[in-house]
PDB file of all heavy atoms in Angstrom:
ATOM      1  N   ASN A   1      35.658  -2.175  18.068  1.00  0.00           N
ATOM      2  CA  ASN A   1      35.418  -3.193  17.026  1.00  0.00           C
ATOM      3  C   ASN A   1      36.438  -4.315  17.138  1.00  0.00           C
ATOM      4  O   ASN A   1      37.027  -4.785  16.172  1.00  0.00           O
ATOM      5  CB  ASN A   1      35.528  -2.581  15.626  1.00  0.00           C
ATOM      6  CG  ASN A   1      34.288  -1.801  15.235  1.00  0.00           C
ATOM      7  OD1 ASN A   1      33.432  -1.514  16.049  1.00  0.00           O
ATOM      8  ND2 ASN A   1      34.207  -1.468  13.950  1.00  0.00           N
ATOM      9  N   THR A   2      36.660  -4.785  18.381  1.00  0.00           N
ATOM     10  CA  THR A   2      37.680  -5.733  18.680  1.00  0.00           C
ATOM     11  C   THR A   2      37.190  -6.813  19.628  1.00  0.00           C
ATOM     12  O   THR A   2      36.484  -6.549  20.594  1.00  0.00           O
ATOM     13  CB  THR A   2      38.946  -5.076  19.265  1.00  0.00           C
ATOM     14  OG1 THR A   2      39.406  -4.085  18.371  1.00  0.00           O
ATOM     15  CG2 THR A   2      40.047  -6.086  19.518  1.00  0.00           C
ATOM     16  N   VAL A   3      37.597  -8.056  19.326  1.00  0.00           N
ATOM     17  CA  VAL A   3      37.339  -9.209  20.217  1.00  0.00           C
ATOM     18  C   VAL A   3      38.656  -9.744  20.678  1.00  0.00           C
ATOM     19  O   VAL A   3      39.679  -9.727  19.932  1.00  0.00           O
ATOM     20  CB  VAL A   3      36.466 -10.271  19.528  1.00  0.00           C
ATOM     21  CG1 VAL A   3      37.215 -10.885  18.365  1.00  0.00           C
ATOM     22  CG2 VAL A   3      36.083 -11.341  20.524  1.00  0.00           C
ATOM     23  N   TYR A   4      38.740 -10.240  21.882  1.00  0.00           N
ATOM     24  CA  TYR A   4      39.965 -10.736  22.502  1.00  0.00           C
ATOM     25  C   TYR A   4      39.842 -12.140  22.959  1.00  0.00           C
ATOM     26  O   TYR A   4      38.747 -12.629  23.309  1.00  0.00           O
ATOM     27  CB  TYR A   4      40.365  -9.875  23.705  1.00  0.00           C
ATOM     28  CG  TYR A   4      40.460  -8.384  23.379  1.00  0.00           C
ATOM     29  CD1 TYR A   4      39.385  -7.553  23.643  1.00  0.00           C
ATOM     30  CD2 TYR A   4      41.599  -7.838  22.870  1.00  0.00           C
ATOM     31  CE1 TYR A   4      39.444  -6.193  23.389  1.00  0.00           C
ATOM     32  CE2 TYR A   4      41.690  -6.491  22.627  1.00  0.00           C
ATOM     33  CZ  TYR A   4      40.616  -5.676  22.866  1.00  0.00           C
ATOM     34  OH  TYR A   4      40.665  -4.296  22.623  1.00  0.00           O
ATOM     35  N   LEU A   5      40.957 -12.831  23.010  1.00  0.00           N
ATOM     36  CA  LEU A   5      41.011 -14.137  23.663  1.00  0.00           C
ATOM     37  C   LEU A   5      42.225 -14.169  24.586  1.00  0.00           C
ATOM     38  O   LEU A   5      43.358 -14.169  24.121  1.00  0.00           O
ATOM     39  CB  LEU A   5      41.144 -15.265  22.632  1.00  0.00           C
ATOM     40  CG  LEU A   5      41.108 -16.666  23.216  1.00  0.00           C
ATOM     41  CD1 LEU A   5      39.720 -17.028  23.784  1.00  0.00           C
ATOM     42  CD2 LEU A   5      41.477 -17.729  22.160  1.00  0.00           C
ATOM     43  N   GLN A   6      41.956 -14.115  25.868  1.00  0.00           N
ATOM     44  CA  GLN A   6      43.024 -14.208  26.855  1.00  0.00           C
ATOM     45  C   GLN A   6      43.244 -15.686  27.151  1.00  0.00           C
ATOM     46  O   GLN A   6      42.303 -16.380  27.579  1.00  0.00           O
ATOM     47  CB  GLN A   6      42.641 -13.465  28.135  1.00  0.00           C
ATOM     48  CG  GLN A   6      43.655 -13.546  29.288  1.00  0.00           C
ATOM     49  CD  GLN A   6      44.943 -12.783  28.926  1.00  0.00           C
ATOM     50  OE1 GLN A   6      44.881 -11.650  28.403  1.00  0.00           O
ATOM     51  NE2 GLN A   6      46.052 -13.414  29.136  1.00  0.00           N
ATOM     52  N   MET A   7      44.500 -16.122  26.967  1.00  0.00           N
ATOM     53  CA  MET A   7      44.791 -17.508  27.215  1.00  0.00           C
ATOM     54  C   MET A   7      45.887 -17.634  28.269  1.00  0.00           C
ATOM     55  O   MET A   7      46.984 -17.082  28.114  1.00  0.00           O
ATOM     56  CB  MET A   7      45.343 -18.176  25.876  1.00  0.00           C
ATOM     57  CG  MET A   7      44.323 -18.060  24.710  1.00  0.00           C
ATOM     58  SD  MET A   7      44.869 -18.993  23.267  1.00  0.00           S
ATOM     59  CE  MET A   7      46.285 -18.021  22.800  1.00  0.00           C
ATOM     60  N   ASN A   8      45.535 -18.287  29.317  1.00  0.00           N
ATOM     61  CA  ASN A   8      46.413 -18.493  30.446  1.00  0.00           C
ATOM     62  C   ASN A   8      46.772 -19.951  30.618  1.00  0.00           C
ATOM     63  O   ASN A   8      46.044 -20.824  30.100  1.00  0.00           O
ATOM     64  CB  ASN A   8      45.795 -17.959  31.763  1.00  0.00           C
ATOM     65  CG  ASN A   8      45.526 -16.467  31.677  1.00  0.00           C
ATOM     66  OD1 ASN A   8      46.263 -15.701  31.079  1.00  0.00           O
ATOM     67  ND2 ASN A   8      44.403 -16.042  32.317  1.00  0.00           N
ATOM     68  N   SER A   9      47.815 -20.232  31.378  1.00  0.00           N
ATOM     69  CA  SER A   9      48.222 -21.598  31.652  1.00  0.00           C
ATOM     70  C   SER A   9      48.292 -22.431  30.406  1.00  0.00           C
ATOM     71  O   SER A   9      47.766 -23.545  30.319  1.00  0.00           O
ATOM     72  CB  SER A   9      47.221 -22.234  32.649  1.00  0.00           C
ATOM     73  OG  SER A   9      47.179 -21.547  33.845  1.00  0.00           O
ATOM     74  N   LEU A  10      48.931 -21.880  29.398  1.00  0.00           N
ATOM     75  CA  LEU A  10      49.014 -22.530  28.098  1.00  0.00           C
ATOM     76  C   LEU A  10      49.778 -23.843  28.149  1.00  0.00           C
ATOM     77  O   LEU A  10      50.751 -23.988  28.942  1.00  0.00           O
ATOM     78  CB  LEU A  10      49.664 -21.601  27.075  1.00  0.00           C
ATOM     79  CG  LEU A  10      48.717 -20.438  26.606  1.00  0.00           C
ATOM     80  CD1 LEU A  10      49.513 -19.375  25.930  1.00  0.00           C
ATOM     81  CD2 LEU A  10      47.695 -21.019  25.647  1.00  0.00           C
ATOM     82  N   LYS A  11      49.350 -24.766  27.357  1.00  0.00           N
ATOM     83  CA  LYS A  11      49.908 -26.082  27.266  1.00  0.00           C
ATOM     84  C   LYS A  11      50.398 -26.347  25.843  1.00  0.00           C
ATOM     85  O   LYS A  11      49.900 -25.759  24.892  1.00  0.00           O
ATOM     86  CB  LYS A  11      48.872 -27.153  27.636  1.00  0.00           C
ATOM     87  CG  LYS A  11      48.226 -26.943  28.920  1.00  0.00           C
ATOM     88  CD  LYS A  11      47.062 -27.922  29.148  1.00  0.00           C
ATOM     89  CE  LYS A  11      46.358 -27.691  30.456  1.00  0.00           C
ATOM     90  NZ  LYS A  11      45.204 -28.679  30.641  1.00  0.00           N
ATOM     91  N   PRO A  12      51.356 -27.250  25.663  1.00  0.00           N
ATOM     92  CA  PRO A  12      51.845 -27.563  24.297  1.00  0.00           C
ATOM     93  C   PRO A  12      50.674 -27.948  23.373  1.00  0.00           C
ATOM     94  O   PRO A  12      50.799 -27.629  22.150  1.00  0.00           O
ATOM     95  CB  PRO A  12      52.790 -28.685  24.542  1.00  0.00           C
ATOM     96  CG  PRO A  12      53.345 -28.436  25.870  1.00  0.00           C
ATOM     97  CD  PRO A  12      52.174 -27.931  26.691  1.00  0.00           C
ATOM     98  N   GLU A  13      49.681 -28.608  23.874  1.00  0.00           N
ATOM     99  CA  GLU A  13      48.587 -29.038  23.018  1.00  0.00           C
ATOM    100  C   GLU A  13      47.693 -27.861  22.562  1.00  0.00           C
ATOM    101  O   GLU A  13      46.823 -28.026  21.721  1.00  0.00           O
ATOM    102  CB  GLU A  13      47.671 -30.076  23.721  1.00  0.00           C
ATOM    103  CG  GLU A  13      47.315 -29.699  25.120  1.00  0.00           C
ATOM    104  CD  GLU A  13      48.202 -30.335  26.184  1.00  0.00           C
ATOM    105  OE1 GLU A  13      49.446 -30.274  26.029  1.00  0.00           O
ATOM    106  OE2 GLU A  13      47.675 -30.933  27.144  1.00  0.00           O
ATOM    107  N   ASP A  14      47.906 -26.636  23.091  1.00  0.00           N
ATOM    108  CA  ASP A  14      47.237 -25.455  22.609  1.00  0.00           C
ATOM    109  C   ASP A  14      47.900 -24.913  21.345  1.00  0.00           C
ATOM    110  O   ASP A  14      47.354 -23.972  20.738  1.00  0.00           O
ATOM    111  CB  ASP A  14      47.254 -24.377  23.687  1.00  0.00           C
ATOM    112  CG  ASP A  14      46.408 -24.739  24.860  1.00  0.00           C
ATOM    113  OD1 ASP A  14      45.326 -25.303  24.706  1.00  0.00           O
ATOM    114  OD2 ASP A  14      46.897 -24.451  26.004  1.00  0.00           O
ATOM    115  N   THR A  15      49.028 -25.434  20.965  1.00  0.00           N
ATOM    116  CA  THR A  15      49.713 -24.979  19.770  1.00  0.00           C
ATOM    117  C   THR A  15      48.854 -25.197  18.526  1.00  0.00           C
ATOM    118  O   THR A  15      48.367 -26.312  18.273  1.00  0.00           O
ATOM    119  CB  THR A  15      51.042 -25.747  19.590  1.00  0.00           C
ATOM    120  OG1 THR A  15      51.934 -25.405  20.674  1.00  0.00           O
ATOM    121  CG2 THR A  15      51.680 -25.372  18.275  1.00  0.00           C
ATOM    122  N   ALA A  16      48.618 -24.111  17.806  1.00  0.00           N
ATOM    123  CA  ALA A  16      47.739 -24.148  16.629  1.00  0.00           C
ATOM    124  C   ALA A  16      47.709 -22.781  15.994  1.00  0.00           C
ATOM    125  O   ALA A  16      48.204 -21.790  16.547  1.00  0.00           O
ATOM    126  CB  ALA A  16      46.336 -24.560  17.023  1.00  0.00           C
ATOM    127  N   VAL A  17      47.145 -22.709  14.808  1.00  0.00           N
ATOM    128  CA  VAL A  17      46.797 -21.453  14.215  1.00  0.00           C
ATOM    129  C   VAL A  17      45.419 -21.092  14.721  1.00  0.00           C
ATOM    130  O   VAL A  17      44.490 -21.865  14.623  1.00  0.00           O
ATOM    131  CB  VAL A  17      46.824 -21.500  12.676  1.00  0.00           C
ATOM    132  CG1 VAL A  17      46.359 -20.174  12.103  1.00  0.00           C
ATOM    133  CG2 VAL A  17      48.181 -21.865  12.164  1.00  0.00           C
ATOM    134  N   TYR A  18      45.254 -19.892  15.264  1.00  0.00           N
ATOM    135  CA  TYR A  18      44.023 -19.436  15.812  1.00  0.00           C
ATOM    136  C   TYR A  18      43.373 -18.475  14.861  1.00  0.00           C
ATOM    137  O   TYR A  18      43.936 -17.499  14.376  1.00  0.00           O
ATOM    138  CB  TYR A  18      44.222 -18.769  17.150  1.00  0.00           C
ATOM    139  CG  TYR A  18      44.480 -19.724  18.289  1.00  0.00           C
ATOM    140  CD1 TYR A  18      45.657 -20.459  18.316  1.00  0.00           C
ATOM    141  CD2 TYR A  18      43.569 -19.969  19.295  1.00  0.00           C
ATOM    142  CE1 TYR A  18      45.901 -21.384  19.306  1.00  0.00           C
ATOM    143  CE2 TYR A  18      43.769 -20.894  20.249  1.00  0.00           C
ATOM    144  CZ  TYR A  18      44.959 -21.615  20.299  1.00  0.00           C
ATOM    145  OH  TYR A  18      45.175 -22.514  21.300  1.00  0.00           O
ATOM    146  N   TYR A  19      42.063 -18.717  14.600  1.00  0.00           N
ATOM    147  CA  TYR A  19      41.293 -17.944  13.645  1.00  0.00           C
ATOM    148  C   TYR A  19      40.145 -17.214  14.304  1.00  0.00           C
ATOM    149  O   TYR A  19      39.465 -17.796  15.128  1.00  0.00           O
ATOM    150  CB  TYR A  19      40.714 -18.844  12.548  1.00  0.00           C
ATOM    151  CG  TYR A  19      41.702 -19.528  11.717  1.00  0.00           C
ATOM    152  CD1 TYR A  19      42.147 -20.806  12.044  1.00  0.00           C
ATOM    153  CD2 TYR A  19      42.237 -18.975  10.552  1.00  0.00           C
ATOM    154  CE1 TYR A  19      43.098 -21.463  11.303  1.00  0.00           C
ATOM    155  CE2 TYR A  19      43.177 -19.606   9.782  1.00  0.00           C
ATOM    156  CZ  TYR A  19      43.575 -20.876  10.140  1.00  0.00           C
ATOM    157  OH  TYR A  19      44.533 -21.528   9.367  1.00  0.00           O
ATOM    158  N   CYS A  20      39.949 -15.974  13.931  1.00  0.00           N
ATOM    159  CA  CYS A  20      38.836 -15.212  14.377  1.00  0.00           C
ATOM    160  C   CYS A  20      37.699 -15.432  13.458  1.00  0.00           C
ATOM    161  O   CYS A  20      37.886 -15.522  12.211  1.00  0.00           O
ATOM    162  CB  CYS A  20      39.246 -13.720  14.424  1.00  0.00           C
ATOM    163  SG  CYS A  20      37.940 -12.573  14.958  1.00  0.00           S
ATOM    164  N   ALA A  21      36.469 -15.450  13.959  1.00  0.00           N
ATOM    165  CA  ALA A  21      35.294 -15.648  13.139  1.00  0.00           C
ATOM    166  C   ALA A  21      34.175 -14.686  13.566  1.00  0.00           C
ATOM    167  O   ALA A  21      34.096 -14.329  14.707  1.00  0.00           O
ATOM    168  CB  ALA A  21      34.819 -17.090  13.275  1.00  0.00           C
ATOM    169  N   ALA A  22      33.314 -14.322  12.639  1.00  0.00           N
ATOM    170  CA  ALA A  22      32.198 -13.468  12.863  1.00  0.00           C
ATOM    171  C   ALA A  22      30.993 -13.951  12.168  1.00  0.00           C
ATOM    172  O   ALA A  22      31.079 -14.375  10.968  1.00  0.00           O
ATOM    173  CB  ALA A  22      32.560 -12.037  12.461  1.00  0.00           C
ATOM    174  N   ASP A  23      29.849 -13.890  12.801  1.00  0.00           N
ATOM    175  CA  ASP A  23      28.583 -14.284  12.178  1.00  0.00           C
ATOM    176  C   ASP A  23      27.473 -13.668  12.922  1.00  0.00           C
ATOM    177  O   ASP A  23      27.534 -13.428  14.148  1.00  0.00           O
ATOM    178  CB  ASP A  23      28.438 -15.820  12.203  1.00  0.00           C
ATOM    179  CG  ASP A  23      27.494 -16.301  11.122  1.00  0.00           C
ATOM    180  OD1 ASP A  23      26.308 -15.932  11.133  1.00  0.00           O
ATOM    181  OD2 ASP A  23      27.927 -17.093  10.255  1.00  0.00           O
ATOM    182  N   ARG A  24      26.361 -13.393  12.197  1.00  0.00           N
ATOM    183  CA  ARG A  24      25.191 -12.862  12.816  1.00  0.00           C
ATOM    184  C   ARG A  24      24.416 -13.894  13.616  1.00  0.00           C
ATOM    185  O   ARG A  24      23.532 -13.579  14.423  1.00  0.00           O
ATOM    186  CB  ARG A  24      24.302 -12.201  11.794  1.00  0.00           C
ATOM    187  CG  ARG A  24      24.872 -10.923  11.195  1.00  0.00           C
ATOM    188  CD  ARG A  24      24.122 -10.543   9.966  1.00  0.00           C
ATOM    189  NE  ARG A  24      24.392 -11.476   8.866  1.00  0.00           N
ATOM    190  CZ  ARG A  24      23.841 -11.353   7.655  1.00  0.00           C
ATOM    191  NH1 ARG A  24      22.991 -10.375   7.383  1.00  0.00           N
ATOM    192  NH2 ARG A  24      24.153 -12.267   6.723  1.00  0.00           N
ATOM    193  N   ASP A  25      24.724 -15.198  13.388  1.00  0.00           N
ATOM    194  CA  ASP A  25      24.050 -16.301  14.001  1.00  0.00           C
ATOM    195  C   ASP A  25      25.084 -17.142  14.781  1.00  0.00           C
ATOM    196  O   ASP A  25      26.012 -17.654  14.183  1.00  0.00           O
ATOM    197  CB  ASP A  25      23.351 -17.138  13.019  1.00  0.00           C
ATOM    198  CG  ASP A  25      22.634 -18.325  13.597  1.00  0.00           C
ATOM    199  OD1 ASP A  25      21.623 -18.124  14.344  1.00  0.00           O
ATOM    200  OD2 ASP A  25      23.100 -19.478  13.359  1.00  0.00           O
ATOM    201  N   TYR A  26      24.865 -17.370  16.089  1.00  0.00           N
ATOM    202  CA  TYR A  26      25.792 -18.130  16.860  1.00  0.00           C
ATOM    203  C   TYR A  26      25.884 -19.561  16.406  1.00  0.00           C
ATOM    204  O   TYR A  26      27.018 -20.159  16.315  1.00  0.00           O
ATOM    205  CB  TYR A  26      25.371 -18.142  18.339  1.00  0.00           C
ATOM    206  CG  TYR A  26      26.133 -19.186  19.089  1.00  0.00           C
ATOM    207  CD1 TYR A  26      27.469 -18.996  19.475  1.00  0.00           C
ATOM    208  CD2 TYR A  26      25.516 -20.397  19.446  1.00  0.00           C
ATOM    209  CE1 TYR A  26      28.162 -19.980  20.150  1.00  0.00           C
ATOM    210  CE2 TYR A  26      26.255 -21.384  20.105  1.00  0.00           C
ATOM    211  CZ  TYR A  26      27.581 -21.186  20.450  1.00  0.00           C
ATOM    212  OH  TYR A  26      28.287 -22.143  21.117  1.00  0.00           O
ATOM    213  N   SER A  27      24.761 -20.235  16.133  1.00  0.00           N
ATOM    214  CA  SER A  27      24.759 -21.637  15.749  1.00  0.00           C
ATOM    215  C   SER A  27      25.585 -21.837  14.546  1.00  0.00           C
ATOM    216  O   SER A  27      26.367 -22.771  14.429  1.00  0.00           O
ATOM    217  CB  SER A  27      23.354 -22.098  15.557  1.00  0.00           C
ATOM    218  OG  SER A  27      23.363 -23.477  15.166  1.00  0.00           O
ATOM    219  N   ARG A  28      25.459 -20.952  13.563  1.00  0.00           N
ATOM    220  CA  ARG A  28      26.239 -21.109  12.352  1.00  0.00           C
ATOM    221  C   ARG A  28      27.741 -20.933  12.592  1.00  0.00           C
ATOM    222  O   ARG A  28      28.582 -21.613  12.004  1.00  0.00           O
ATOM    223  CB  ARG A  28      25.757 -20.096  11.301  1.00  0.00           C
ATOM    224  CG  ARG A  28      26.309 -20.265   9.899  1.00  0.00           C
ATOM    225  CD  ARG A  28      25.473 -19.523   8.917  1.00  0.00           C
ATOM    226  NE  ARG A  28      25.403 -18.112   9.239  1.00  0.00           N
ATOM    227  CZ  ARG A  28      24.531 -17.270   8.661  1.00  0.00           C
ATOM    228  NH1 ARG A  28      23.617 -17.716   7.795  1.00  0.00           N
ATOM    229  NH2 ARG A  28      24.532 -15.994   9.007  1.00  0.00           N
ATOM    230  N   LEU A  29      28.069 -19.992  13.439  1.00  0.00           N
ATOM    231  CA  LEU A  29      29.478 -19.790  13.798  1.00  0.00           C
ATOM    232  C   LEU A  29      30.036 -21.015  14.485  1.00  0.00           C
ATOM    233  O   LEU A  29      31.092 -21.502  14.155  1.00  0.00           O
ATOM    234  CB  LEU A  29      29.599 -18.552  14.709  1.00  0.00           C
ATOM    235  CG  LEU A  29      31.015 -18.148  15.157  1.00  0.00           C
ATOM    236  CD1 LEU A  29      31.126 -16.692  15.332  1.00  0.00           C
ATOM    237  CD2 LEU A  29      31.433 -18.878  16.416  1.00  0.00           C
ATOM    238  N   TYR A  30      29.306 -21.539  15.441  1.00  0.00           N
ATOM    239  CA  TYR A  30      29.767 -22.690  16.223  1.00  0.00           C
ATOM    240  C   TYR A  30      30.014 -23.879  15.336  1.00  0.00           C
ATOM    241  O   TYR A  30      30.964 -24.649  15.587  1.00  0.00           O
ATOM    242  CB  TYR A  30      28.747 -23.032  17.312  1.00  0.00           C
ATOM    243  CG  TYR A  30      29.065 -24.269  18.062  1.00  0.00           C
ATOM    244  CD1 TYR A  30      30.043 -24.238  19.102  1.00  0.00           C
ATOM    245  CD2 TYR A  30      28.410 -25.489  17.818  1.00  0.00           C
ATOM    246  CE1 TYR A  30      30.351 -25.361  19.840  1.00  0.00           C
ATOM    247  CE2 TYR A  30      28.723 -26.617  18.561  1.00  0.00           C
ATOM    248  CZ  TYR A  30      29.700 -26.536  19.548  1.00  0.00           C
ATOM    249  OH  TYR A  30      29.985 -27.676  20.272  1.00  0.00           O
ATOM    250  N   ARG A  31      29.181 -24.067  14.314  1.00  0.00           N
ATOM    251  CA  ARG A  31      29.338 -25.223  13.437  1.00  0.00           C
ATOM    252  C   ARG A  31      30.493 -25.031  12.412  1.00  0.00           C
ATOM    253  O   ARG A  31      30.695 -25.920  11.595  1.00  0.00           O
ATOM    254  CB  ARG A  31      28.046 -25.431  12.655  1.00  0.00           C
ATOM    255  CG  ARG A  31      26.873 -25.829  13.614  1.00  0.00           C
ATOM    256  CD  ARG A  31      25.578 -25.950  12.823  1.00  0.00           C
ATOM    257  NE  ARG A  31      24.485 -26.257  13.739  1.00  0.00           N
ATOM    258  CZ  ARG A  31      24.096 -27.460  14.145  1.00  0.00           C
ATOM    259  NH1 ARG A  31      24.776 -28.507  13.669  1.00  0.00           N
ATOM    260  NH2 ARG A  31      23.045 -27.613  14.918  1.00  0.00           N
ATOM    261  N   GLY A  32      31.173 -23.915  12.523  1.00  0.00           N
ATOM    262  CA  GLY A  32      32.311 -23.698  11.593  1.00  0.00           C
ATOM    263  C   GLY A  32      31.954 -23.155  10.275  1.00  0.00           C
ATOM    264  O   GLY A  32      32.772 -23.216   9.350  1.00  0.00           O
TER     265      GLY A  32
END
């Protein structure tokens, strides 16, 4: 029951708060 995000070659512009999201519909998830 886990999803991962492997982040390589990180840049300063990647600095942010990262949020996990779940939805039964991809389009709705993508739209935030």
